[in-house]
Amino acid sequence: MSGSTTQFLLNLMGQLDYVALFVLMAAESSFLPVPSELVMIPAGYLIAQGKLDLGWVLLISSLGSVIGSLGSYALAFWLGRPLLVRFGKYALITPAHLEQTEQFVRRHGEVSIFTGRFVPGVRHLISMPAGLARMRLASFILYTGMGATLWNGVLVLLGYLLHDQQEWLEQHFPWVVAGAVLFAGAVLAVYVARRRTQR
């Protein structure tokens, strides 16, 4: 990602309001490819500038994540796997990606809805296996809300800490995103290791 692209994203976020934040995070939690890193890190940056409020950002982004996830959950619940596989290609859902997330849910159970929020490539599809498996709605909403709030909070913190480093951020934004992804991988690795030791 070039410095000009990064600056464009920062400028774009500077023009967005809470409604746009809600819409972007709802899209990110559905099957649409909207990376949360490109929304929440600049949001943290804008919080530090006093343009957005921390409490409202966390609340609205988490609500958006839950609503977007519920949409994917409902889609899988009502369509079922055959129709989802058949028509999913029109929404960039491939059978391979769907199978990957289904295996993730089978391996880790309901809590995978929480841990899946930290895994790139799994995050935006994790709700569909939950719908296919008819997971209890209360559990789904609880784990989705917890995972989304924690992940969004980490990204907001990164953006907030970098608010005095605009020039550095413009040059190193891809590395900041990569660091967020590595953090997610570390959280998942700790979880998997604990699960294995408990067996």
Protein backbone atom coordinates (compact mmCIF):
# COMPACT_ATOMS: atom_id res chain seq x y z
CA MET A 1 0.00 0.00 0.00
CA SER A 2 1.51 3.31 -1.08
CA GLY A 3 1.74 6.42 1.06
CA SER A 4 -0.76 8.18 -1.19
CA THR A 5 -3.26 5.33 -0.74
CA THR A 6 -2.81 5.44 3.01
CA GLN A 7 -3.33 9.21 3.06
CA PHE A 8 -6.44 8.78 0.94
CA LEU A 9 -7.86 6.33 3.49
CA LEU A 10 -7.05 8.66 6.38
CA ASN A 11 -8.66 11.58 4.57
CA LEU A 12 -11.68 9.44 3.74
CA MET A 13 -12.12 8.39 7.36
CA GLY A 14 -11.89 12.06 8.33
CA GLN A 15 -15.05 12.69 6.32
CA LEU A 16 -17.02 9.76 7.73
CA ASP A 17 -19.52 9.86 10.58
CA TYR A 18 -20.86 7.24 12.97
CA VAL A 19 -23.45 6.05 10.47
CA ALA A 20 -20.73 5.32 7.93
CA LEU A 21 -18.69 3.54 10.62
CA PHE A 22 -21.69 1.33 11.41
CA VAL A 23 -22.26 0.53 7.73
CA LEU A 24 -18.59 -0.29 7.07
CA MET A 25 -18.31 -2.59 10.08
CA ALA A 26 -21.60 -4.31 9.24
CA ALA A 27 -20.22 -4.91 5.74
CA GLU A 28 -16.92 -6.16 7.20
CA SER A 29 -18.76 -8.74 9.29
CA SER A 30 -20.80 -9.96 6.36
CA PHE A 31 -19.31 -11.63 3.28
CA LEU A 32 -18.16 -8.29 1.80
CA PRO A 33 -14.36 -7.77 1.70
CA VAL A 34 -14.04 -4.65 3.87
CA PRO A 35 -10.93 -5.11 6.10
CA SER A 36 -11.64 -3.91 9.62
CA GLU A 37 -8.00 -2.78 9.88
CA LEU A 38 -8.67 -0.12 7.24
CA VAL A 39 -11.62 1.23 9.22
CA MET A 40 -10.83 0.91 12.92
CA ILE A 41 -7.17 2.00 12.92
CA PRO A 42 -8.02 5.32 11.23
CA ALA A 43 -11.00 5.59 13.60
CA GLY A 44 -8.59 5.41 16.55
CA TYR A 45 -6.49 8.06 14.84
CA LEU A 46 -9.55 10.33 14.60
CA ILE A 47 -10.46 9.69 18.26
CA ALA A 48 -7.05 11.02 19.25
CA GLN A 49 -7.74 14.12 17.16
CA GLY A 50 -11.02 14.67 18.99
CA LYS A 51 -13.12 14.11 15.87
CA LEU A 52 -14.74 10.91 17.15
CA ASP A 53 -15.65 9.68 20.63
CA LEU A 54 -14.10 6.45 21.92
CA GLY A 55 -17.25 5.13 23.59
CA TRP A 56 -19.44 5.76 20.58
CA VAL A 57 -16.87 4.29 18.19
CA LEU A 58 -16.63 1.05 20.17
CA LEU A 59 -20.39 0.80 20.64
CA ILE A 60 -21.32 1.56 17.04
CA SER A 61 -18.57 -0.54 15.48
CA SER A 62 -19.49 -3.52 17.66
CA LEU A 63 -23.18 -3.12 16.86
CA GLY A 64 -22.30 -2.97 13.18
CA SER A 65 -20.23 -6.14 13.51
CA VAL A 66 -23.07 -7.97 15.25
CA ILE A 67 -25.69 -6.84 12.72
CA GLY A 68 -23.50 -7.80 9.76
CA SER A 69 -22.77 -11.16 11.34
CA LEU A 70 -26.46 -11.77 11.99
CA GLY A 71 -27.14 -11.16 8.31
CA SER A 72 -24.67 -13.86 7.30
CA TYR A 73 -25.98 -16.17 10.02
CA ALA A 74 -29.57 -15.75 8.77
CA LEU A 75 -28.52 -16.23 5.16
CA ALA A 76 -26.86 -19.56 5.94
CA PHE A 77 -29.67 -20.60 8.30
CA TRP A 78 -32.41 -20.13 5.70
CA LEU A 79 -30.58 -21.09 2.51
CA GLY A 80 -28.67 -24.11 3.79
CA ARG A 81 -25.34 -25.33 2.47
CA PRO A 82 -26.34 -26.47 -1.07
CA LEU A 83 -27.87 -23.13 -2.04
CA LEU A 84 -25.12 -21.22 -0.25
CA VAL A 85 -22.47 -23.07 -2.26
CA ARG A 86 -24.45 -22.71 -5.47
CA PHE A 87 -25.11 -18.98 -5.25
CA GLY A 88 -22.26 -17.94 -2.96
CA LYS A 89 -19.91 -17.37 -5.88
CA TYR A 90 -21.88 -14.24 -6.75
CA ALA A 91 -20.96 -12.84 -3.33
CA LEU A 92 -17.31 -13.98 -3.45
CA ILE A 93 -18.02 -17.00 -1.22
CA THR A 94 -16.11 -20.01 -2.49
CA PRO A 95 -16.75 -23.61 -1.39
CA ALA A 96 -13.14 -23.81 -0.20
CA HIS A 97 -13.50 -20.78 2.08
CA LEU A 98 -16.80 -22.07 3.41
CA GLU A 99 -15.30 -25.48 4.15
CA GLN A 100 -12.36 -23.84 5.89
CA THR A 101 -14.62 -21.93 8.26
CA GLU A 102 -16.87 -24.96 8.84
CA GLN A 103 -13.83 -27.00 9.90
CA PHE A 104 -12.76 -24.16 12.19
CA VAL A 105 -16.17 -24.19 13.91
CA ARG A 106 -16.27 -27.99 14.18
CA ARG A 107 -12.80 -28.04 15.70
CA HIS A 108 -13.34 -25.35 18.32
CA GLY A 109 -17.08 -25.33 18.99
CA GLU A 110 -19.18 -22.28 19.82
CA VAL A 111 -16.21 -20.31 21.16
CA SER A 112 -14.81 -20.34 17.60
CA ILE A 113 -17.23 -17.49 16.87
CA PHE A 114 -15.18 -15.46 19.37
CA THR A 115 -11.71 -16.58 18.28
CA GLY A 116 -12.63 -16.47 14.59
CA ARG A 117 -12.93 -12.68 14.83
CA PHE A 118 -9.13 -12.55 15.09
CA VAL A 119 -8.34 -14.71 12.06
CA PRO A 120 -7.97 -13.10 8.61
CA GLY A 121 -9.89 -15.00 5.96
CA VAL A 122 -12.11 -16.58 8.60
CA ARG A 123 -13.47 -13.43 10.25
CA HIS A 124 -15.94 -12.40 7.56
CA LEU A 125 -17.28 -15.93 6.94
CA ILE A 126 -17.36 -17.37 10.47
CA SER A 127 -21.05 -16.54 10.88
CA MET A 128 -22.16 -18.82 8.06
CA PRO A 129 -21.10 -22.14 9.61
CA ALA A 130 -22.86 -21.00 12.79
CA GLY A 131 -26.06 -20.51 10.80
CA LEU A 132 -25.65 -23.83 9.01
CA ALA A 133 -25.13 -25.58 12.36
CA ARG A 134 -28.21 -23.84 13.85
CA MET A 135 -26.08 -22.46 16.69
CA ARG A 136 -28.10 -20.96 19.53
CA LEU A 137 -28.77 -17.35 18.65
CA ALA A 138 -27.99 -16.04 22.15
CA SER A 139 -24.57 -17.75 22.14
CA PHE A 140 -23.85 -16.51 18.64
CA ILE A 141 -24.63 -12.90 19.53
CA LEU A 142 -22.65 -13.11 22.79
CA TYR A 143 -19.48 -14.53 21.23
CA THR A 144 -19.74 -12.27 18.19
CA GLY A 145 -20.15 -9.16 20.34
CA MET A 146 -17.27 -10.08 22.64
CA GLY A 147 -14.89 -10.95 19.82
CA ALA A 148 -15.80 -7.92 17.72
CA THR A 149 -15.46 -5.50 20.64
CA LEU A 150 -12.04 -6.84 21.63
CA TRP A 151 -10.70 -6.86 18.07
CA ASN A 152 -12.10 -3.40 17.29
CA GLY A 153 -10.65 -2.10 20.55
CA VAL A 154 -7.16 -3.37 19.68
CA LEU A 155 -7.30 -1.68 16.29
CA VAL A 156 -8.62 1.56 17.78
CA LEU A 157 -5.78 1.52 20.33
CA LEU A 158 -3.23 1.15 17.55
CA GLY A 159 -4.69 4.11 15.71
CA TYR A 160 -4.86 6.18 18.89
CA LEU A 161 -1.22 5.51 19.81
CA LEU A 162 -0.11 6.56 16.33
CA HIS A 163 -1.97 9.88 16.22
CA ASP A 164 1.20 11.94 16.70
CA GLN A 165 3.02 9.97 14.04
CA GLN A 166 1.10 10.85 10.87
CA GLU A 167 4.14 10.88 8.59
CA TRP A 168 5.38 7.62 10.05
CA LEU A 169 1.89 6.13 9.82
CA GLU A 170 1.58 7.09 6.16
CA GLN A 171 4.84 5.26 5.42
CA HIS A 172 4.28 2.21 7.62
CA PHE A 173 0.51 1.68 7.61
CA PRO A 174 0.80 -1.79 5.97
CA TRP A 175 3.15 -2.85 8.78
CA VAL A 176 0.68 -1.60 11.38
CA VAL A 177 -2.01 -3.74 9.77
CA ALA A 178 0.39 -6.71 9.65
CA GLY A 179 1.09 -6.23 13.36
CA ALA A 180 -2.63 -6.35 14.10
CA VAL A 181 -2.91 -9.57 12.11
CA LEU A 182 0.06 -11.08 13.99
CA PHE A 183 -1.61 -10.18 17.28
CA ALA A 184 -4.72 -12.02 16.12
CA GLY A 185 -2.60 -15.04 15.21
CA ALA A 186 -0.95 -15.00 18.62
CA VAL A 187 -4.32 -14.94 20.37
CA LEU A 188 -5.48 -17.89 18.30
CA ALA A 189 -2.24 -19.84 18.92
CA VAL A 190 -2.58 -19.40 22.70
CA TYR A 191 -6.19 -20.54 22.54
CA VAL A 192 -5.36 -23.64 20.46
CA ALA A 193 -2.44 -24.54 22.75
CA ARG A 194 -4.65 -24.30 25.83
CA ARG A 195 -7.29 -26.46 24.21
CA ARG A 196 -4.72 -29.16 23.46
CA THR A 197 -3.34 -29.18 27.00
CA GLN A 198 -6.86 -29.55 28.41
CA ARG A 199 -7.55 -32.74 26.43
